[in-house]
Amino acid sequence: ALAAAQVAATDGVVVDTVTLGREDRGAEASVLNLESPAEARADEPFEMRVVVDSSTAQRGTLIVDRDGDVVKTLDVDLQPGKNAIVFTQAIPSSGFHRYRATLEVPKDGDHRNNVGAGFVNVRGKPKILVLQQNPSDRTLADAIASQGIGVELRGPDSVPARAESLQDYDALVLNDINAASFLPNQMANIANAV
């Protein structure tokens, strides 16, 4: 702004200035941002980051709630400038969840800027469709399920016939199944879904 005013002065342009606010506002702290992933899986840990700006070194408390219920209370040591507070969360239920971080500090001129919000869309646990010639052999399905992944095991006579039916799955495993077991539209649906 000073350089622009100097250039304007060389062209004879008069620049008037007005001082806004007070020079010494005292101590101030504010939540600049609450960063969270847009999407997560149920029970899968993810990191959240709260960025706090403080004009002075001070101790305080950061209270984090999810959908109105407090899930984390952290004692924080703030340094002058930007401070990042990182913590881990995991949400057991799927759906859209709102997080709110509220900063409580003793030296603060305006408490209205001490809240940050973020949203996380939680998808259910992954689900895999296993198609195999012999659906009574559960060896592969049980191995996948032991890792906490939902598994649906089907034989050639119960392959989904509609493309949208395959959208319920995160992955499709063809395990020892003959291509002749599929109708042409089923093969096309599988190719499109993958």
N, C-alpha and C. Protein backbone atom coordinates (compact mmCIF):
# COMPACT_ATOMS: atom_id res chain seq x y z
N ALA A 1 0.83 -1.19 0.00
CA ALA A 1 0.00 0.00 0.00
C ALA A 1 0.88 1.25 0.00
N LEU A 2 2.00 1.23 0.73
CA LEU A 2 2.88 2.39 0.78
C LEU A 2 3.49 2.66 -0.60
N ALA A 3 3.92 1.61 -1.28
CA ALA A 3 4.50 1.78 -2.62
C ALA A 3 3.47 2.34 -3.60
N ALA A 4 2.23 1.85 -3.52
CA ALA A 4 1.17 2.35 -4.40
C ALA A 4 0.89 3.82 -4.12
N ALA A 5 0.93 4.21 -2.86
CA ALA A 5 0.70 5.62 -2.51
C ALA A 5 1.83 6.49 -3.04
N GLN A 6 3.07 6.00 -3.01
CA GLN A 6 4.20 6.78 -3.53
C GLN A 6 4.09 6.96 -5.04
N VAL A 7 3.66 5.92 -5.75
CA VAL A 7 3.47 6.04 -7.20
C VAL A 7 2.36 7.03 -7.49
N ALA A 8 1.27 6.96 -6.73
CA ALA A 8 0.16 7.90 -6.93
C ALA A 8 0.61 9.33 -6.67
N ALA A 9 1.48 9.53 -5.67
CA ALA A 9 1.96 10.88 -5.34
C ALA A 9 2.76 11.47 -6.49
N THR A 10 3.53 10.64 -7.22
CA THR A 10 4.31 11.16 -8.36
C THR A 10 3.41 11.64 -9.48
N ASP A 11 2.17 11.11 -9.52
CA ASP A 11 1.19 11.55 -10.53
C ASP A 11 0.28 12.65 -9.99
N GLY A 12 0.58 13.15 -8.80
CA GLY A 12 -0.20 14.23 -8.23
C GLY A 12 -1.52 13.79 -7.61
N VAL A 13 -1.68 12.48 -7.37
CA VAL A 13 -2.92 11.97 -6.77
C VAL A 13 -2.78 12.07 -5.26
N VAL A 14 -3.78 12.68 -4.63
CA VAL A 14 -3.78 12.80 -3.18
C VAL A 14 -4.41 11.55 -2.57
N VAL A 15 -3.74 10.95 -1.59
CA VAL A 15 -4.25 9.75 -0.92
C VAL A 15 -4.55 10.11 0.52
N ASP A 16 -5.79 9.96 0.90
CA ASP A 16 -6.19 10.19 2.29
C ASP A 16 -6.19 8.85 3.02
N THR A 17 -5.80 8.87 4.29
CA THR A 17 -5.78 7.63 5.08
C THR A 17 -6.61 7.82 6.34
N VAL A 18 -7.18 6.72 6.78
CA VAL A 18 -7.95 6.71 8.01
C VAL A 18 -7.48 5.50 8.81
N THR A 19 -7.11 5.72 10.05
CA THR A 19 -6.67 4.63 10.91
C THR A 19 -7.89 3.88 11.43
N LEU A 20 -7.91 2.58 11.23
CA LEU A 20 -9.02 1.75 11.70
C LEU A 20 -8.58 0.97 12.93
N GLY A 21 -9.46 0.85 13.91
CA GLY A 21 -9.16 0.07 15.10
C GLY A 21 -8.14 0.74 15.98
N ARG A 22 -7.70 -0.02 16.97
CA ARG A 22 -6.69 0.49 17.89
C ARG A 22 -5.36 -0.14 17.54
N GLU A 23 -4.30 0.59 17.78
CA GLU A 23 -2.97 0.04 17.54
C GLU A 23 -2.68 -1.10 18.51
N ASP A 24 -3.00 -0.94 19.76
CA ASP A 24 -2.75 -1.98 20.76
C ASP A 24 -4.08 -2.63 21.12
N ARG A 25 -4.33 -3.78 20.51
CA ARG A 25 -5.59 -4.47 20.76
C ARG A 25 -5.50 -5.42 21.94
N GLY A 26 -4.32 -5.60 22.50
CA GLY A 26 -4.17 -6.54 23.59
C GLY A 26 -4.04 -7.95 23.05
N ALA A 27 -4.07 -8.90 23.95
CA ALA A 27 -3.90 -10.30 23.57
C ALA A 27 -5.12 -10.80 22.80
N GLU A 28 -4.85 -11.63 21.80
CA GLU A 28 -5.94 -12.18 20.98
C GLU A 28 -5.56 -13.59 20.54
N ALA A 29 -6.53 -14.47 20.58
CA ALA A 29 -6.36 -15.84 20.07
C ALA A 29 -7.60 -16.19 19.27
N SER A 30 -7.39 -16.96 18.20
CA SER A 30 -8.54 -17.35 17.37
C SER A 30 -8.27 -18.68 16.70
N VAL A 31 -9.36 -19.40 16.42
CA VAL A 31 -9.27 -20.64 15.65
C VAL A 31 -9.38 -20.25 14.19
N LEU A 32 -8.30 -20.47 13.43
CA LEU A 32 -8.30 -20.12 12.01
C LEU A 32 -8.96 -21.19 11.15
N ASN A 33 -8.75 -22.46 11.52
CA ASN A 33 -9.24 -23.53 10.67
C ASN A 33 -9.30 -24.85 11.44
N LEU A 34 -10.27 -25.66 11.09
CA LEU A 34 -10.33 -27.04 11.57
C LEU A 34 -10.29 -27.91 10.32
N GLU A 35 -9.17 -28.61 10.12
CA GLU A 35 -8.98 -29.40 8.91
C GLU A 35 -9.30 -30.86 9.21
N SER A 36 -10.16 -31.44 8.38
CA SER A 36 -10.54 -32.84 8.54
C SER A 36 -10.69 -33.44 7.17
N PRO A 37 -10.56 -34.76 7.06
CA PRO A 37 -10.76 -35.37 5.75
C PRO A 37 -12.23 -35.26 5.34
N ALA A 38 -12.47 -35.13 4.07
CA ALA A 38 -13.86 -35.04 3.60
C ALA A 38 -14.57 -36.37 3.79
N GLU A 39 -13.80 -37.46 3.73
CA GLU A 39 -14.41 -38.78 3.82
C GLU A 39 -13.51 -39.71 4.61
N ALA A 40 -14.12 -40.61 5.36
CA ALA A 40 -13.38 -41.62 6.13
C ALA A 40 -14.22 -42.89 6.18
N ARG A 41 -13.60 -43.96 6.62
CA ARG A 41 -14.28 -45.24 6.79
C ARG A 41 -14.65 -45.40 8.26
N ALA A 42 -15.69 -46.14 8.51
CA ALA A 42 -16.10 -46.42 9.89
C ALA A 42 -14.97 -47.14 10.62
N ASP A 43 -14.69 -46.72 11.84
CA ASP A 43 -13.65 -47.29 12.72
C ASP A 43 -12.23 -47.14 12.19
N GLU A 44 -12.04 -46.36 11.13
CA GLU A 44 -10.70 -46.16 10.58
C GLU A 44 -10.13 -44.85 11.14
N PRO A 45 -8.97 -44.89 11.82
CA PRO A 45 -8.41 -43.66 12.40
C PRO A 45 -8.02 -42.65 11.31
N PHE A 46 -8.25 -41.37 11.60
CA PHE A 46 -7.84 -40.29 10.71
C PHE A 46 -7.40 -39.12 11.57
N GLU A 47 -6.57 -38.25 10.99
CA GLU A 47 -6.05 -37.09 11.72
C GLU A 47 -6.90 -35.86 11.47
N MET A 48 -7.04 -35.07 12.53
CA MET A 48 -7.68 -33.77 12.44
C MET A 48 -6.64 -32.74 12.88
N ARG A 49 -6.74 -31.54 12.30
CA ARG A 49 -5.76 -30.50 12.60
C ARG A 49 -6.50 -29.19 12.85
N VAL A 50 -6.23 -28.60 13.99
CA VAL A 50 -6.82 -27.31 14.33
C VAL A 50 -5.69 -26.27 14.29
N VAL A 51 -5.90 -25.22 13.50
CA VAL A 51 -4.90 -24.15 13.40
C VAL A 51 -5.40 -22.98 14.25
N VAL A 52 -4.56 -22.60 15.22
CA VAL A 52 -4.90 -21.52 16.15
C VAL A 52 -3.87 -20.41 16.01
N ASP A 53 -4.33 -19.17 15.98
CA ASP A 53 -3.44 -18.02 15.94
C ASP A 53 -3.52 -17.31 17.28
N SER A 54 -2.37 -17.03 17.87
CA SER A 54 -2.34 -16.35 19.16
C SER A 54 -1.32 -15.21 19.09
N SER A 55 -1.69 -14.07 19.65
CA SER A 55 -0.77 -12.92 19.64
C SER A 55 0.25 -13.00 20.77
N THR A 56 0.05 -13.92 21.70
CA THR A 56 0.95 -14.04 22.84
C THR A 56 1.06 -15.50 23.26
N ALA A 57 2.12 -15.83 23.97
CA ALA A 57 2.27 -17.18 24.50
C ALA A 57 1.31 -17.35 25.68
N GLN A 58 0.56 -18.44 25.65
CA GLN A 58 -0.38 -18.71 26.73
C GLN A 58 -0.84 -20.16 26.69
N ARG A 59 -1.34 -20.61 27.81
CA ARG A 59 -1.91 -21.96 27.90
C ARG A 59 -3.42 -21.84 27.80
N GLY A 60 -4.01 -22.90 27.25
CA GLY A 60 -5.46 -22.91 27.13
C GLY A 60 -5.99 -24.32 26.98
N THR A 61 -7.25 -24.41 26.65
CA THR A 61 -7.92 -25.70 26.46
C THR A 61 -8.64 -25.69 25.13
N LEU A 62 -8.48 -26.77 24.39
CA LEU A 62 -9.20 -26.95 23.14
C LEU A 62 -10.21 -28.07 23.35
N ILE A 63 -11.48 -27.74 23.16
CA ILE A 63 -12.56 -28.71 23.35
C ILE A 63 -13.13 -29.06 21.98
N VAL A 64 -13.12 -30.35 21.66
CA VAL A 64 -13.59 -30.80 20.36
C VAL A 64 -14.85 -31.63 20.57
N ASP A 65 -15.91 -31.27 19.84
CA ASP A 65 -17.13 -32.08 19.92
C ASP A 65 -17.51 -32.59 18.54
N ARG A 66 -18.16 -33.74 18.53
CA ARG A 66 -18.68 -34.34 17.30
C ARG A 66 -20.18 -34.45 17.45
N ASP A 67 -20.91 -33.81 16.59
CA ASP A 67 -22.37 -33.81 16.63
C ASP A 67 -22.90 -33.38 17.99
N GLY A 68 -22.19 -32.45 18.66
CA GLY A 68 -22.63 -31.91 19.94
C GLY A 68 -22.11 -32.64 21.16
N ASP A 69 -21.46 -33.79 20.99
CA ASP A 69 -20.92 -34.54 22.12
C ASP A 69 -19.40 -34.36 22.17
N VAL A 70 -18.87 -33.96 23.34
CA VAL A 70 -17.43 -33.74 23.49
C VAL A 70 -16.69 -35.07 23.31
N VAL A 71 -15.71 -35.07 22.38
CA VAL A 71 -14.93 -36.28 22.12
C VAL A 71 -13.47 -36.11 22.50
N LYS A 72 -13.02 -34.87 22.70
CA LYS A 72 -11.61 -34.63 23.02
C LYS A 72 -11.47 -33.31 23.75
N THR A 73 -10.70 -33.31 24.84
CA THR A 73 -10.34 -32.09 25.54
C THR A 73 -8.82 -32.08 25.65
N LEU A 74 -8.20 -31.06 25.08
CA LEU A 74 -6.74 -30.99 25.02
C LEU A 74 -6.23 -29.74 25.72
N ASP A 75 -5.21 -29.90 26.56
CA ASP A 75 -4.49 -28.76 27.11
C ASP A 75 -3.48 -28.34 26.06
N VAL A 76 -3.46 -27.05 25.71
CA VAL A 76 -2.58 -26.57 24.65
C VAL A 76 -1.68 -25.46 25.16
N ASP A 77 -0.43 -25.47 24.71
CA ASP A 77 0.53 -24.41 24.97
C ASP A 77 0.71 -23.63 23.67
N LEU A 78 0.16 -22.45 23.62
CA LEU A 78 0.21 -21.64 22.40
C LEU A 78 1.42 -20.73 22.41
N GLN A 79 2.06 -20.63 21.25
CA GLN A 79 3.17 -19.71 21.04
C GLN A 79 2.65 -18.56 20.18
N PRO A 80 3.31 -17.40 20.20
CA PRO A 80 2.87 -16.30 19.34
C PRO A 80 2.90 -16.73 17.87
N GLY A 81 1.83 -16.45 17.15
CA GLY A 81 1.73 -16.84 15.75
C GLY A 81 0.80 -18.04 15.58
N LYS A 82 0.98 -18.74 14.48
CA LYS A 82 0.12 -19.88 14.17
C LYS A 82 0.60 -21.13 14.90
N ASN A 83 -0.36 -21.87 15.45
CA ASN A 83 -0.10 -23.12 16.15
C ASN A 83 -0.98 -24.20 15.55
N ALA A 84 -0.41 -25.37 15.31
CA ALA A 84 -1.18 -26.50 14.78
C ALA A 84 -1.34 -27.55 15.87
N ILE A 85 -2.56 -27.94 16.12
CA ILE A 85 -2.87 -28.98 17.11
C ILE A 85 -3.45 -30.16 16.34
N VAL A 86 -2.76 -31.29 16.39
CA VAL A 86 -3.15 -32.46 15.63
C VAL A 86 -3.57 -33.56 16.60
N PHE A 87 -4.67 -34.23 16.27
CA PHE A 87 -5.13 -35.36 17.07
C PHE A 87 -5.82 -36.36 16.16
N THR A 88 -6.01 -37.57 16.67
CA THR A 88 -6.58 -38.66 15.88
C THR A 88 -8.00 -38.95 16.33
N GLN A 89 -8.84 -39.26 15.37
CA GLN A 89 -10.23 -39.63 15.65
C GLN A 89 -10.58 -40.89 14.86
N ALA A 90 -11.60 -41.59 15.31
CA ALA A 90 -12.19 -42.71 14.57
C ALA A 90 -13.68 -42.68 14.90
N ILE A 91 -14.50 -42.82 13.89
CA ILE A 91 -15.95 -42.73 14.07
C ILE A 91 -16.54 -44.11 13.80
N PRO A 92 -17.26 -44.67 14.76
CA PRO A 92 -17.79 -46.03 14.57
C PRO A 92 -19.00 -46.11 13.64
N SER A 93 -19.75 -45.03 13.52
CA SER A 93 -21.00 -45.10 12.74
C SER A 93 -20.87 -44.32 11.43
N SER A 94 -21.48 -44.85 10.39
CA SER A 94 -21.44 -44.18 9.10
C SER A 94 -22.42 -43.00 9.10
N GLY A 95 -22.21 -42.10 8.15
CA GLY A 95 -23.07 -40.93 8.04
C GLY A 95 -22.26 -39.65 8.00
N PHE A 96 -22.95 -38.53 8.01
CA PHE A 96 -22.34 -37.20 7.93
C PHE A 96 -22.19 -36.67 9.35
N HIS A 97 -20.96 -36.32 9.76
CA HIS A 97 -20.70 -35.88 11.14
C HIS A 97 -20.06 -34.49 11.14
N ARG A 98 -20.50 -33.65 12.09
CA ARG A 98 -19.98 -32.30 12.25
C ARG A 98 -19.02 -32.26 13.43
N TYR A 99 -17.85 -31.71 13.22
CA TYR A 99 -16.89 -31.46 14.30
C TYR A 99 -16.84 -29.97 14.58
N ARG A 100 -16.65 -29.64 15.85
CA ARG A 100 -16.47 -28.24 16.24
C ARG A 100 -15.34 -28.19 17.26
N ALA A 101 -14.40 -27.27 17.06
CA ALA A 101 -13.29 -27.05 17.99
C ALA A 101 -13.47 -25.69 18.64
N THR A 102 -13.49 -25.67 19.97
CA THR A 102 -13.68 -24.43 20.73
C THR A 102 -12.45 -24.18 21.58
N LEU A 103 -11.85 -23.01 21.44
CA LEU A 103 -10.66 -22.64 22.17
C LEU A 103 -11.02 -21.79 23.39
N GLU A 104 -10.50 -22.19 24.55
CA GLU A 104 -10.68 -21.40 25.77
C GLU A 104 -9.30 -20.98 26.26
N VAL A 105 -9.05 -19.65 26.28
CA VAL A 105 -7.77 -19.11 26.75
C VAL A 105 -8.03 -17.92 27.66
N PRO A 106 -7.12 -17.65 28.60
CA PRO A 106 -7.35 -16.54 29.54
C PRO A 106 -7.14 -15.16 28.91
N LYS A 107 -6.22 -15.05 27.95
CA LYS A 107 -5.92 -13.74 27.35
C LYS A 107 -6.51 -13.71 25.94
N ASP A 108 -7.67 -13.08 25.83
CA ASP A 108 -8.36 -13.07 24.54
C ASP A 108 -9.28 -11.87 24.47
N GLY A 109 -9.12 -11.05 23.43
CA GLY A 109 -9.93 -9.86 23.29
C GLY A 109 -11.32 -10.12 22.73
N ASP A 110 -11.46 -11.15 21.91
CA ASP A 110 -12.75 -11.41 21.27
C ASP A 110 -12.98 -12.92 21.22
N HIS A 111 -13.92 -13.40 22.00
CA HIS A 111 -14.19 -14.84 22.09
C HIS A 111 -15.01 -15.36 20.92
N ARG A 112 -15.55 -14.49 20.11
CA ARG A 112 -16.42 -14.92 19.02
C ARG A 112 -15.67 -15.68 17.92
N ASN A 113 -14.34 -15.47 17.82
CA ASN A 113 -13.58 -16.14 16.77
C ASN A 113 -12.83 -17.37 17.27
N ASN A 114 -13.31 -17.93 18.37
CA ASN A 114 -12.63 -19.07 19.00
C ASN A 114 -13.25 -20.41 18.66
N VAL A 115 -14.00 -20.46 17.58
CA VAL A 115 -14.67 -21.71 17.19
C VAL A 115 -14.38 -22.00 15.73
N GLY A 116 -14.06 -23.26 15.44
CA GLY A 116 -13.86 -23.72 14.06
C GLY A 116 -14.71 -24.96 13.84
N ALA A 117 -15.13 -25.20 12.61
CA ALA A 117 -15.98 -26.35 12.33
C ALA A 117 -15.49 -27.09 11.10
N GLY A 118 -15.79 -28.38 11.06
CA GLY A 118 -15.46 -29.22 9.91
C GLY A 118 -16.44 -30.37 9.83
N PHE A 119 -16.47 -31.01 8.69
CA PHE A 119 -17.42 -32.10 8.46
C PHE A 119 -16.70 -33.31 7.90
N VAL A 120 -17.14 -34.49 8.30
CA VAL A 120 -16.57 -35.74 7.81
C VAL A 120 -17.72 -36.66 7.41
N ASN A 121 -17.65 -37.16 6.19
CA ASN A 121 -18.63 -38.15 5.74
C ASN A 121 -18.02 -39.52 5.95
N VAL A 122 -18.65 -40.33 6.81
CA VAL A 122 -18.11 -41.63 7.15
C VAL A 122 -18.87 -42.71 6.39
N ARG A 123 -18.12 -43.46 5.62
CA ARG A 123 -18.71 -44.59 4.91
C ARG A 123 -18.56 -45.83 5.76
N GLY A 124 -19.46 -46.78 5.54
CA GLY A 124 -19.41 -48.03 6.29
C GLY A 124 -18.15 -48.81 5.97
N LYS A 125 -17.99 -49.93 6.65
CA LYS A 125 -16.81 -50.76 6.41
C LYS A 125 -16.84 -51.25 4.96
N PRO A 126 -15.64 -51.49 4.40
CA PRO A 126 -15.60 -51.94 3.01
C PRO A 126 -16.32 -53.28 2.84
N LYS A 127 -16.88 -53.46 1.67
CA LYS A 127 -17.62 -54.68 1.37
C LYS A 127 -17.15 -55.22 0.02
N ILE A 128 -16.83 -56.50 -0.02
CA ILE A 128 -16.30 -57.14 -1.22
C ILE A 128 -17.24 -58.24 -1.66
N LEU A 129 -17.44 -58.32 -2.97
CA LEU A 129 -18.22 -59.41 -3.56
C LEU A 129 -17.24 -60.42 -4.13
N VAL A 130 -17.33 -61.66 -3.66
CA VAL A 130 -16.49 -62.74 -4.18
C VAL A 130 -17.39 -63.65 -5.01
N LEU A 131 -17.06 -63.79 -6.28
CA LEU A 131 -17.77 -64.68 -7.18
C LEU A 131 -16.87 -65.87 -7.47
N GLN A 132 -17.37 -67.07 -7.19
CA GLN A 132 -16.56 -68.26 -7.46
C GLN A 132 -17.46 -69.41 -7.87
N GLN A 133 -16.86 -70.37 -8.58
CA GLN A 133 -17.60 -71.51 -9.12
C GLN A 133 -18.24 -72.33 -8.01
N ASN A 134 -17.51 -72.51 -6.88
CA ASN A 134 -18.00 -73.32 -5.77
C ASN A 134 -18.23 -72.41 -4.56
N PRO A 135 -19.47 -71.92 -4.35
CA PRO A 135 -19.71 -70.99 -3.24
C PRO A 135 -19.68 -71.65 -1.86
N SER A 136 -19.61 -72.97 -1.80
CA SER A 136 -19.53 -73.62 -0.49
C SER A 136 -18.11 -73.60 0.07
N ASP A 137 -17.11 -73.31 -0.76
CA ASP A 137 -15.72 -73.20 -0.31
C ASP A 137 -15.50 -71.77 0.19
N ARG A 138 -15.43 -71.58 1.50
CA ARG A 138 -15.35 -70.25 2.10
C ARG A 138 -13.92 -69.84 2.46
N THR A 139 -12.91 -70.54 1.95
CA THR A 139 -11.52 -70.27 2.34
C THR A 139 -11.14 -68.81 2.09
N LEU A 140 -11.32 -68.33 0.85
CA LEU A 140 -10.95 -66.95 0.53
C LEU A 140 -11.85 -65.95 1.25
N ALA A 141 -13.15 -66.21 1.26
CA ALA A 141 -14.10 -65.29 1.91
C ALA A 141 -13.79 -65.15 3.40
N ASP A 142 -13.47 -66.26 4.06
CA ASP A 142 -13.16 -66.20 5.49
C ASP A 142 -11.84 -65.45 5.75
N ALA A 143 -10.86 -65.61 4.86
CA ALA A 143 -9.59 -64.90 5.01
C ALA A 143 -9.79 -63.39 4.89
N ILE A 144 -10.63 -62.97 3.94
CA ILE A 144 -10.92 -61.54 3.78
C ILE A 144 -11.70 -61.02 4.99
N ALA A 145 -12.69 -61.78 5.42
CA ALA A 145 -13.53 -61.37 6.56
C ALA A 145 -12.70 -61.25 7.84
N SER A 146 -11.66 -62.05 7.98
CA SER A 146 -10.82 -61.99 9.20
C SER A 146 -10.09 -60.66 9.32
N GLN A 147 -10.04 -59.87 8.23
CA GLN A 147 -9.39 -58.56 8.24
C GLN A 147 -10.37 -57.44 8.53
N GLY A 148 -11.59 -57.79 8.93
CA GLY A 148 -12.59 -56.78 9.27
C GLY A 148 -13.31 -56.21 8.05
N ILE A 149 -13.27 -56.93 6.95
CA ILE A 149 -13.91 -56.47 5.71
C ILE A 149 -15.16 -57.31 5.49
N GLY A 150 -16.24 -56.66 5.13
CA GLY A 150 -17.48 -57.37 4.83
C GLY A 150 -17.35 -58.13 3.51
N VAL A 151 -17.79 -59.37 3.51
CA VAL A 151 -17.68 -60.22 2.32
C VAL A 151 -19.03 -60.83 2.00
N GLU A 152 -19.37 -60.80 0.72
CA GLU A 152 -20.54 -61.52 0.25
C GLU A 152 -20.04 -62.52 -0.78
N LEU A 153 -20.34 -63.79 -0.57
CA LEU A 153 -19.88 -64.87 -1.44
C LEU A 153 -21.05 -65.37 -2.27
N ARG A 154 -20.85 -65.42 -3.60
CA ARG A 154 -21.90 -65.88 -4.50
C ARG A 154 -21.33 -66.85 -5.52
N GLY A 155 -22.20 -67.70 -6.01
CA GLY A 155 -21.85 -68.62 -7.07
C GLY A 155 -22.31 -68.10 -8.41
N PRO A 156 -22.06 -68.88 -9.50
CA PRO A 156 -22.42 -68.42 -10.84
C PRO A 156 -23.91 -68.23 -11.05
N ASP A 157 -24.73 -68.90 -10.29
CA ASP A 157 -26.17 -68.76 -10.47
C ASP A 157 -26.76 -67.53 -9.79
N SER A 158 -25.96 -66.81 -9.00
CA SER A 158 -26.49 -65.63 -8.30
C SER A 158 -25.65 -64.37 -8.55
N VAL A 159 -25.03 -64.30 -9.73
CA VAL A 159 -24.28 -63.11 -10.12
C VAL A 159 -25.27 -61.97 -10.35
N PRO A 160 -25.02 -60.78 -9.79
CA PRO A 160 -25.96 -59.66 -10.00
C PRO A 160 -26.16 -59.39 -11.49
N ALA A 161 -27.39 -59.25 -11.87
CA ALA A 161 -27.72 -59.03 -13.28
C ALA A 161 -27.77 -57.55 -13.64
N ARG A 162 -27.90 -56.68 -12.64
CA ARG A 162 -28.02 -55.24 -12.90
C ARG A 162 -26.76 -54.52 -12.45
N ALA A 163 -26.34 -53.53 -13.24
CA ALA A 163 -25.10 -52.80 -12.96
C ALA A 163 -25.15 -52.09 -11.61
N GLU A 164 -26.29 -51.50 -11.26
CA GLU A 164 -26.38 -50.76 -9.99
C GLU A 164 -26.22 -51.68 -8.78
N SER A 165 -26.50 -52.96 -8.94
CA SER A 165 -26.32 -53.90 -7.83
C SER A 165 -24.86 -54.06 -7.45
N LEU A 166 -23.97 -53.83 -8.40
CA LEU A 166 -22.54 -53.95 -8.14
C LEU A 166 -21.96 -52.72 -7.44
N GLN A 167 -22.70 -51.61 -7.42
CA GLN A 167 -22.21 -50.38 -6.81
C GLN A 167 -22.19 -50.46 -5.29
N ASP A 168 -22.81 -51.48 -4.71
CA ASP A 168 -22.80 -51.66 -3.26
C ASP A 168 -21.46 -52.19 -2.75
N TYR A 169 -20.58 -52.57 -3.64
CA TYR A 169 -19.33 -53.22 -3.25
C TYR A 169 -18.14 -52.32 -3.57
N ASP A 170 -17.12 -52.41 -2.71
CA ASP A 170 -15.89 -51.65 -2.92
C ASP A 170 -14.92 -52.39 -3.83
N ALA A 171 -15.09 -53.70 -3.93
CA ALA A 171 -14.23 -54.51 -4.79
C ALA A 171 -14.99 -55.76 -5.21
N LEU A 172 -14.53 -56.33 -6.31
CA LEU A 172 -15.12 -57.55 -6.86
C LEU A 172 -13.98 -58.52 -7.10
N VAL A 173 -14.10 -59.73 -6.55
CA VAL A 173 -13.07 -60.75 -6.71
C VAL A 173 -13.68 -61.91 -7.49
N LEU A 174 -13.05 -62.24 -8.62
CA LEU A 174 -13.43 -63.41 -9.40
C LEU A 174 -12.46 -64.52 -9.01
N ASN A 175 -12.94 -65.49 -8.28
CA ASN A 175 -12.08 -66.54 -7.73
C ASN A 175 -12.45 -67.88 -8.36
N ASP A 176 -11.62 -68.37 -9.27
CA ASP A 176 -11.80 -69.69 -9.87
C ASP A 176 -13.22 -69.87 -10.40
N ILE A 177 -13.60 -68.97 -11.29
CA ILE A 177 -14.94 -69.04 -11.89
C ILE A 177 -14.80 -68.98 -13.41
N ASN A 178 -15.56 -69.78 -14.09
CA ASN A 178 -15.50 -69.89 -15.54
C ASN A 178 -16.24 -68.73 -16.19
N ALA A 179 -15.65 -68.15 -17.21
CA ALA A 179 -16.29 -67.03 -17.93
C ALA A 179 -17.59 -67.46 -18.58
N ALA A 180 -17.72 -68.73 -18.89
CA ALA A 180 -18.96 -69.23 -19.50
C ALA A 180 -20.13 -69.19 -18.51
N SER A 181 -19.84 -68.95 -17.24
CA SER A 181 -20.90 -68.87 -16.22
C SER A 181 -21.64 -67.54 -16.27
N PHE A 182 -21.10 -66.57 -17.01
CA PHE A 182 -21.69 -65.24 -17.06
C PHE A 182 -22.44 -65.02 -18.37
N LEU A 183 -23.55 -64.32 -18.28
CA LEU A 183 -24.25 -63.85 -19.47
C LEU A 183 -23.49 -62.64 -20.01
N PRO A 184 -23.62 -62.35 -21.30
CA PRO A 184 -22.89 -61.19 -21.85
C PRO A 184 -23.18 -59.88 -21.12
N ASN A 185 -24.44 -59.64 -20.73
CA ASN A 185 -24.74 -58.38 -20.02
C ASN A 185 -24.12 -58.37 -18.62
N GLN A 186 -24.01 -59.55 -17.97
CA GLN A 186 -23.34 -59.60 -16.67
C GLN A 186 -21.86 -59.28 -16.80
N MET A 187 -21.23 -59.80 -17.85
CA MET A 187 -19.81 -59.50 -18.07
C MET A 187 -19.60 -58.01 -18.33
N ALA A 188 -20.50 -57.43 -19.11
CA ALA A 188 -20.40 -55.98 -19.38
C ALA A 188 -20.62 -55.17 -18.11
N ASN A 189 -21.57 -55.58 -17.29
CA ASN A 189 -21.82 -54.88 -16.01
C ASN A 189 -20.59 -54.96 -15.10
N ILE A 190 -19.97 -56.13 -15.03
CA ILE A 190 -18.78 -56.29 -14.18
C ILE A 190 -17.66 -55.39 -14.71
N ALA A 191 -17.46 -55.38 -16.02
CA ALA A 191 -16.41 -54.53 -16.60
C ALA A 191 -16.68 -53.07 -16.31
N ASN A 192 -17.91 -52.63 -16.45
CA ASN A 192 -18.24 -51.23 -16.18
C ASN A 192 -18.10 -50.87 -14.72
N ALA A 193 -18.49 -51.78 -13.83
CA ALA A 193 -18.39 -51.51 -12.39
C ALA A 193 -16.93 -51.39 -11.96
N VAL A 194 -16.08 -52.24 -12.52
CA VAL A 194 -14.66 -52.21 -12.17
C VAL A 194 -14.02 -50.97 -12.76
